C-alpha atoms as a PDB file:
ATOM      1  CA  UNK A   1     -17.631  33.845   4.783  1.00  0.00           C
ATOM      2  CA  UNK A   2     -19.866  33.410   1.719  1.00  0.00           C
ATOM      3  CA  UNK A   3     -17.923  30.273   0.670  1.00  0.00           C
ATOM      4  CA  UNK A   4     -18.517  28.595   4.028  1.00  0.00           C
ATOM      5  CA  UNK A   5     -21.032  25.750   3.774  1.00  0.00           C
ATOM      6  CA  UNK A   6     -23.964  26.084   6.161  1.00  0.00           C
ATOM      7  CA  UNK A   7     -24.672  22.780   7.908  1.00  0.00           C
ATOM      8  CA  UNK A   8     -28.294  21.818   8.351  1.00  0.00           C
ATOM      9  CA  UNK A   9     -28.784  20.764  11.978  1.00  0.00           C
ATOM     10  CA  UNK A  10     -31.652  18.532  13.041  1.00  0.00           C
ATOM     11  CA  UNK A  11     -34.001  20.450  15.366  1.00  0.00           C
ATOM     12  CA  UNK A  12     -31.431  23.276  15.141  1.00  0.00           C
ATOM     13  CA  UNK A  13     -29.067  21.341  17.448  1.00  0.00           C
ATOM     14  CA  UNK A  14     -27.782  17.991  16.226  1.00  0.00           C
ATOM     15  CA  UNK A  15     -25.121  18.013  13.525  1.00  0.00           C
ATOM     16  CA  UNK A  16     -25.439  15.085  11.053  1.00  0.00           C
ATOM     17  CA  UNK A  17     -21.836  15.560   9.845  1.00  0.00           C
ATOM     18  CA  UNK A  18     -20.545  14.069  13.123  1.00  0.00           C
ATOM     19  CA  UNK A  19     -22.441  10.817  12.515  1.00  0.00           C
ATOM     20  CA  UNK A  20     -20.990   7.746  10.818  1.00  0.00           C
ATOM     21  CA  UNK A  21     -22.323   4.305   9.857  1.00  0.00           C
ATOM     22  CA  UNK A  22     -19.860   1.598  10.855  1.00  0.00           C
ATOM     23  CA  UNK A  23     -21.755  -1.181   9.022  1.00  0.00           C
ATOM     24  CA  UNK A  24     -20.735  -0.783   5.380  1.00  0.00           C
ATOM     25  CA  UNK A  25     -23.759  -2.559   3.855  1.00  0.00           C
ATOM     26  CA  UNK A  26     -26.206  -0.163   5.554  1.00  0.00           C
ATOM     27  CA  UNK A  27     -24.619   3.116   4.386  1.00  0.00           C
ATOM     28  CA  UNK A  28     -26.968   3.446   1.384  1.00  0.00           C
ATOM     29  CA  UNK A  29     -30.066   2.688   3.464  1.00  0.00           C
ATOM     30  CA  UNK A  30     -29.578   4.962   6.479  1.00  0.00           C
ATOM     31  CA  UNK A  31     -29.907   8.555   5.219  1.00  0.00           C
ATOM     32  CA  UNK A  32     -28.923  11.318   7.615  1.00  0.00           C
ATOM     33  CA  UNK A  33     -26.368  13.626   5.965  1.00  0.00           C
ATOM     34  CA  UNK A  34     -25.812  15.741   2.825  1.00  0.00           C
ATOM     35  CA  UNK A  35     -29.024  15.469   0.771  1.00  0.00           C
ATOM     36  CA  UNK A  36     -30.921  13.879   3.678  1.00  0.00           C
ATOM     37  CA  UNK A  37     -30.054  16.623   6.182  1.00  0.00           C
ATOM     38  CA  UNK A  38     -33.190  18.440   7.315  1.00  0.00           C
ATOM     39  CA  UNK A  39     -33.867  20.782  10.220  1.00  0.00           C
ATOM     40  CA  UNK A  40     -37.137  18.982  11.003  1.00  0.00           C
ATOM     41  CA  UNK A  41     -38.113  15.395  10.102  1.00  0.00           C
ATOM     42  CA  UNK A  42     -41.093  16.440   7.971  1.00  0.00           C
ATOM     43  CA  UNK A  43     -40.356  16.527   4.229  1.00  0.00           C
ATOM     44  CA  UNK A  44     -43.884  15.618   3.025  1.00  0.00           C
ATOM     45  CA  UNK A  45     -42.195  13.450   0.392  1.00  0.00           C
ATOM     46  CA  UNK A  46     -44.004  10.649  -1.458  1.00  0.00           C
ATOM     47  CA  UNK A  47     -41.562   7.886  -0.627  1.00  0.00           C
ATOM     48  CA  UNK A  48     -44.058   5.027  -0.996  1.00  0.00           C
ATOM     49  CA  UNK A  49     -44.806   5.722  -4.695  1.00  0.00           C
ATOM     50  CA  UNK A  50     -41.929   3.684  -6.098  1.00  0.00           C
ATOM     51  CA  UNK A  51     -40.057   0.638  -4.864  1.00  0.00           C
ATOM     52  CA  UNK A  52     -36.871   1.455  -2.861  1.00  0.00           C
ATOM     53  CA  UNK A  53     -37.643   5.177  -2.861  1.00  0.00           C
ATOM     54  CA  UNK A  54     -37.972   5.062   0.930  1.00  0.00           C
ATOM     55  CA  UNK A  55     -34.195   4.691   1.097  1.00  0.00           C
ATOM     56  CA  UNK A  56     -34.018   8.391   0.153  1.00  0.00           C
ATOM     57  CA  UNK A  57     -36.210   9.375   3.121  1.00  0.00           C
ATOM     58  CA  UNK A  58     -34.210  10.851   6.063  1.00  0.00           C
ATOM     59  CA  UNK A  59     -33.811   8.144   8.709  1.00  0.00           C
ATOM     60  CA  UNK A  60     -35.228  10.328  11.508  1.00  0.00           C
ATOM     61  CA  UNK A  61     -38.378  10.935   9.469  1.00  0.00           C
ATOM     62  CA  UNK A  62     -38.788   7.197   8.911  1.00  0.00           C
ATOM     63  CA  UNK A  63     -38.564   6.632  12.673  1.00  0.00           C
ATOM     64  CA  UNK A  64     -41.074   9.457  13.301  1.00  0.00           C
ATOM     65  CA  UNK A  65     -43.466   7.893  10.762  1.00  0.00           C
ATOM     66  CA  UNK A  66     -43.089   4.497  12.406  1.00  0.00           C
ATOM     67  CA  UNK A  67     -43.858   5.991  15.822  1.00  0.00           C
ATOM     68  CA  UNK A  68     -47.245   7.365  14.725  1.00  0.00           C
ATOM     69  CA  UNK A  69     -49.035   4.037  14.670  1.00  0.00           C
ATOM     70  CA  UNK A  70     -51.908   2.308  16.455  1.00  0.00           C
ATOM     71  CA  UNK A  71     -55.232   3.954  15.602  1.00  0.00           C
ATOM     72  CA  UNK A  72     -55.322   6.810  18.057  1.00  0.00           C
ATOM     73  CA  UNK A  73     -51.912   8.099  16.907  1.00  0.00           C
ATOM     74  CA  UNK A  74     -52.423   7.764  13.132  1.00  0.00           C
ATOM     75  CA  UNK A  75     -51.586  10.971  11.279  1.00  0.00           C
ATOM     76  CA  UNK A  76     -50.346  12.850  14.350  1.00  0.00           C
ATOM     77  CA  UNK A  77     -46.946  13.642  12.905  1.00  0.00           C
ATOM     78  CA  UNK A  78     -46.393  16.860  14.863  1.00  0.00           C
ATOM     79  CA  UNK A  79     -46.984  14.903  18.057  1.00  0.00           C
ATOM     80  CA  UNK A  80     -44.426  12.231  17.119  1.00  0.00           C
ATOM     81  CA  UNK A  81     -41.941  14.927  16.042  1.00  0.00           C
ATOM     82  CA  UNK A  82     -42.251  16.456  19.519  1.00  0.00           C
ATOM     83  CA  UNK A  83     -41.690  12.998  21.038  1.00  0.00           C
ATOM     84  CA  UNK A  84     -38.590  12.553  18.861  1.00  0.00           C
ATOM     85  CA  UNK A  85     -37.224  15.967  19.849  1.00  0.00           C
ATOM     86  CA  UNK A  86     -37.768  15.197  23.526  1.00  0.00           C
ATOM     87  CA  UNK A  87     -36.166  11.743  23.064  1.00  0.00           C
ATOM     88  CA  UNK A  88     -33.042  13.293  21.533  1.00  0.00           C
ATOM     89  CA  UNK A  89     -32.775  15.758  24.451  1.00  0.00           C
ATOM     90  CA  UNK A  90     -32.978  12.871  26.952  1.00  0.00           C
ATOM     91  CA  UNK A  91     -30.369  10.817  25.041  1.00  0.00           C
ATOM     92  CA  UNK A  92     -27.980  13.785  25.028  1.00  0.00           C
ATOM     93  CA  UNK A  93     -28.457  14.390  28.777  1.00  0.00           C
ATOM     94  CA  UNK A  94     -27.919  10.712  29.644  1.00  0.00           C
ATOM     95  CA  UNK A  95     -25.053   9.807  27.283  1.00  0.00           C
ATOM     96  CA  UNK A  96     -23.501  13.129  26.248  1.00  0.00           C
ATOM     97  CA  UNK A  97     -23.294  11.794  22.670  1.00  0.00           C
ATOM     98  CA  UNK A  98     -24.906  13.081  19.476  1.00  0.00           C
ATOM     99  CA  UNK A  99     -28.414  11.493  19.580  1.00  0.00           C
ATOM    100  CA  UNK A 100     -28.288  10.937  15.805  1.00  0.00           C
ATOM    101  CA  UNK A 101     -25.251   8.688  16.293  1.00  0.00           C
ATOM    102  CA  UNK A 102     -27.067   6.772  19.052  1.00  0.00           C
ATOM    103  CA  UNK A 103     -30.084   6.308  16.728  1.00  0.00           C
ATOM    104  CA  UNK A 104     -27.899   5.089  13.836  1.00  0.00           C
ATOM    105  CA  UNK A 105     -26.034   2.646  16.123  1.00  0.00           C
ATOM    106  CA  UNK A 106     -29.335   1.355  17.520  1.00  0.00           C
ATOM    107  CA  UNK A 107     -30.669   0.723  13.999  1.00  0.00           C
ATOM    108  CA  UNK A 108     -27.434  -1.056  13.003  1.00  0.00           C
ATOM    109  CA  UNK A 109     -27.580  -3.329  16.055  1.00  0.00           C
ATOM    110  CA  UNK A 110     -31.321  -4.101  15.982  1.00  0.00           C
ATOM    111  CA  UNK A 111     -31.787  -5.618  12.525  1.00  0.00           C
ATOM    112  CA  UNK A 112     -31.449  -9.406  12.273  1.00  0.00           C
ATOM    113  CA  UNK A 113     -28.766 -10.566   9.827  1.00  0.00           C
ATOM    114  CA  UNK A 114     -30.308 -14.011   9.358  1.00  0.00           C
ATOM    115  CA  UNK A 115     -33.959 -15.080   9.321  1.00  0.00           C
ATOM    116  CA  UNK A 116     -36.026 -18.130   8.361  1.00  0.00           C
ATOM    117  CA  UNK A 117     -38.531 -18.384   5.524  1.00  0.00           C
ATOM    118  CA  UNK A 118     -41.104 -20.994   4.528  1.00  0.00           C
ATOM    119  CA  UNK A 119     -40.170 -23.259   1.658  1.00  0.00           C
ATOM    120  CA  UNK A 120     -43.200 -25.232   0.468  1.00  0.00           C
ATOM    121  CA  UNK A 121     -43.009 -28.096  -1.950  1.00  0.00           C
ATOM    122  CA  UNK A 122     -45.657 -30.763  -2.669  1.00  0.00           C
ATOM    123  CA  UNK A 123     -47.737 -30.038   0.399  1.00  0.00           C
ATOM    124  CA  UNK A 124     -44.729 -30.362   2.683  1.00  0.00           C
ATOM    125  CA  UNK A 125     -43.792 -27.035   4.254  1.00  0.00           C
ATOM    126  CA  UNK A 126     -40.424 -26.596   5.935  1.00  0.00           C
ATOM    127  CA  UNK A 127     -38.409 -23.600   7.020  1.00  0.00           C
ATOM    128  CA  UNK A 128     -35.070 -22.525   5.579  1.00  0.00           C
ATOM    129  CA  UNK A 129     -32.511 -20.063   6.972  1.00  0.00           C
ATOM    130  CA  UNK A 130     -31.844 -17.089   4.682  1.00  0.00           C
ATOM    131  CA  UNK A 131     -29.725 -13.933   4.759  1.00  0.00           C
ATOM    132  CA  UNK A 132     -31.607 -10.667   5.255  1.00  0.00           C
ATOM    133  CA  UNK A 133     -31.262  -7.776   2.787  1.00  0.00           C
ATOM    134  CA  UNK A 134     -29.891  -4.473   4.181  1.00  0.00           C
ATOM    135  CA  UNK A 135     -33.170  -2.622   3.504  1.00  0.00           C
ATOM    136  CA  UNK A 136     -35.183  -5.221   5.411  1.00  0.00           C
ATOM    137  CA  UNK A 137     -32.677  -5.010   8.274  1.00  0.00           C
ATOM    138  CA  UNK A 138     -33.239  -1.241   8.548  1.00  0.00           C
ATOM    139  CA  UNK A 139     -37.048  -1.599   8.232  1.00  0.00           C
ATOM    140  CA  UNK A 140     -37.144  -4.340  10.842  1.00  0.00           C
ATOM    141  CA  UNK A 141     -34.876  -2.431  13.228  1.00  0.00           C
ATOM    142  CA  UNK A 142     -37.063   0.706  13.058  1.00  0.00           C
ATOM    143  CA  UNK A 143     -40.193  -1.388  13.627  1.00  0.00           C
ATOM    144  CA  UNK A 144     -38.722  -3.277  16.606  1.00  0.00           C
ATOM    145  CA  UNK A 145     -37.363  -0.104  18.263  1.00  0.00           C
ATOM    146  CA  UNK A 146     -40.708   1.699  17.975  1.00  0.00           C
ATOM    147  CA  UNK A 147     -42.700  -1.340  19.112  1.00  0.00           C
ATOM    148  CA  UNK A 148     -40.426  -1.800  22.133  1.00  0.00           C
ATOM    149  CA  UNK A 149     -40.828   1.831  23.173  1.00  0.00           C
ATOM    150  CA  UNK A 150     -44.602   1.744  22.627  1.00  0.00           C
ATOM    151  CA  UNK A 151     -45.037  -1.398  24.737  1.00  0.00           C
ATOM    152  CA  UNK A 152     -42.783  -0.055  27.506  1.00  0.00           C
ATOM    153  CA  UNK A 153     -44.734   3.218  27.710  1.00  0.00           C
ATOM    154  CA  UNK A 154     -48.191   1.599  27.686  1.00  0.00           C
ATOM    155  CA  UNK A 155     -49.815   1.741  31.159  1.00  0.00           C
ATOM    156  CA  UNK A 156     -46.619   3.161  32.615  1.00  0.00           C
ATOM    157  CA  UNK A 157     -45.704   6.337  34.471  1.00  0.00           C
ATOM    158  CA  UNK A 158     -42.799   6.935  32.087  1.00  0.00           C
ATOM    159  CA  UNK A 159     -43.518   8.958  28.960  1.00  0.00           C
ATOM    160  CA  UNK A 160     -43.023   7.485  25.492  1.00  0.00           C
ATOM    161  CA  UNK A 161     -40.049   9.824  24.963  1.00  0.00           C
ATOM    162  CA  UNK A 162     -38.317   8.424  28.061  1.00  0.00           C
ATOM    163  CA  UNK A 163     -39.066   4.834  27.063  1.00  0.00           C
ATOM    164  CA  UNK A 164     -37.880   5.453  23.488  1.00  0.00           C
ATOM    165  CA  UNK A 165     -34.668   7.067  24.760  1.00  0.00           C
ATOM    166  CA  UNK A 166     -34.000   4.019  26.990  1.00  0.00           C
ATOM    167  CA  UNK A 167     -34.723   1.667  24.086  1.00  0.00           C
ATOM    168  CA  UNK A 168     -32.351   3.530  21.728  1.00  0.00           C
ATOM    169  CA  UNK A 169     -29.548   3.783  24.304  1.00  0.00           C
ATOM    170  CA  UNK A 170     -29.796   0.066  25.201  1.00  0.00           C
ATOM    171  CA  UNK A 171     -29.992  -0.966  21.537  1.00  0.00           C
ATOM    172  CA  UNK A 172     -27.005   1.199  20.570  1.00  0.00           C
ATOM    173  CA  UNK A 173     -24.945  -0.535  23.290  1.00  0.00           C
ATOM    174  CA  UNK A 174     -26.220  -3.949  22.191  1.00  0.00           C
ATOM    175  CA  UNK A 175     -27.707  -4.527  25.656  1.00  0.00           C
ATOM    176  CA  UNK A 176     -30.254  -7.342  26.023  1.00  0.00           C
ATOM    177  CA  UNK A 177     -32.461  -5.003  28.109  1.00  0.00           C
ATOM    178  CA  UNK A 178     -33.606  -3.647  24.747  1.00  0.00           C
ATOM    179  CA  UNK A 179     -36.777  -5.183  23.261  1.00  0.00           C
ATOM    180  CA  UNK A 180     -35.340  -4.869  19.725  1.00  0.00           C
ATOM    181  CA  UNK A 181     -32.085  -6.666  20.603  1.00  0.00           C
ATOM    182  CA  UNK A 182     -34.002  -9.488  22.346  1.00  0.00           C
ATOM    183  CA  UNK A 183     -36.237  -9.980  19.301  1.00  0.00           C
ATOM    184  CA  UNK A 184     -33.278  -9.864  16.924  1.00  0.00           C
ATOM    185  CA  UNK A 185     -31.399 -12.516  18.945  1.00  0.00           C
ATOM    186  CA  UNK A 186     -34.521 -14.694  19.006  1.00  0.00           C
ATOM    187  CA  UNK A 187     -34.937 -14.435  15.200  1.00  0.00           C
ATOM    188  CA  UNK A 188     -31.279 -15.281  14.610  1.00  0.00           C
ATOM    189  CA  UNK A 189     -31.406 -18.216  17.045  1.00  0.00           C
ATOM    190  CA  UNK A 190     -34.472 -19.667  15.289  1.00  0.00           C
ATOM    191  CA  UNK A 191     -32.827 -19.168  11.873  1.00  0.00           C
ATOM    192  CA  UNK A 192     -29.664 -20.921  13.068  1.00  0.00           C
ATOM    193  CA  UNK A 193     -31.686 -24.017  13.978  1.00  0.00           C
ATOM    194  CA  UNK A 194     -33.080 -24.170  10.391  1.00  0.00           C
ATOM    195  CA  UNK A 195     -29.721 -24.004   8.608  1.00  0.00           C
END
């Protein structure tokens, strides 16, 4: 009994050991198990102090931090944690899957693999298609998912938790109803034209 390892469950419910990252290049950048396992997404860590340290931040906490944006929501972390908890409950009721797995799949599917950058030389500026680093893919995916949910919930009867749950479920399936997937496809299509 004493030898048995106690698993840390997110919000006391969701087991991170059941979750897997199918995209091999993102495994180091999506932290959810072992040292990243927390019961609540609030570590009060200083992940912005050093470059790449945010990769050690639990992925759910990064999503929570990204949700608390736009002036009136700045700094309201307990509020966004409650939204996240409610979102996970909705995802479980709708899909029957571990919400952590749905979140990880959504992040994997929502980051653009190819983007375009500006190459300037001698006053002539043109665009060039480039590959996107895994960390930028994760950052971009989190941003697009949160933005999509925020825009869907604005001036709407649906709560932000419901909109975020819909966004995550659609993104994890790769459905084009998701704001994040639409934006990702648009970025990749533009990049393809600049190859």
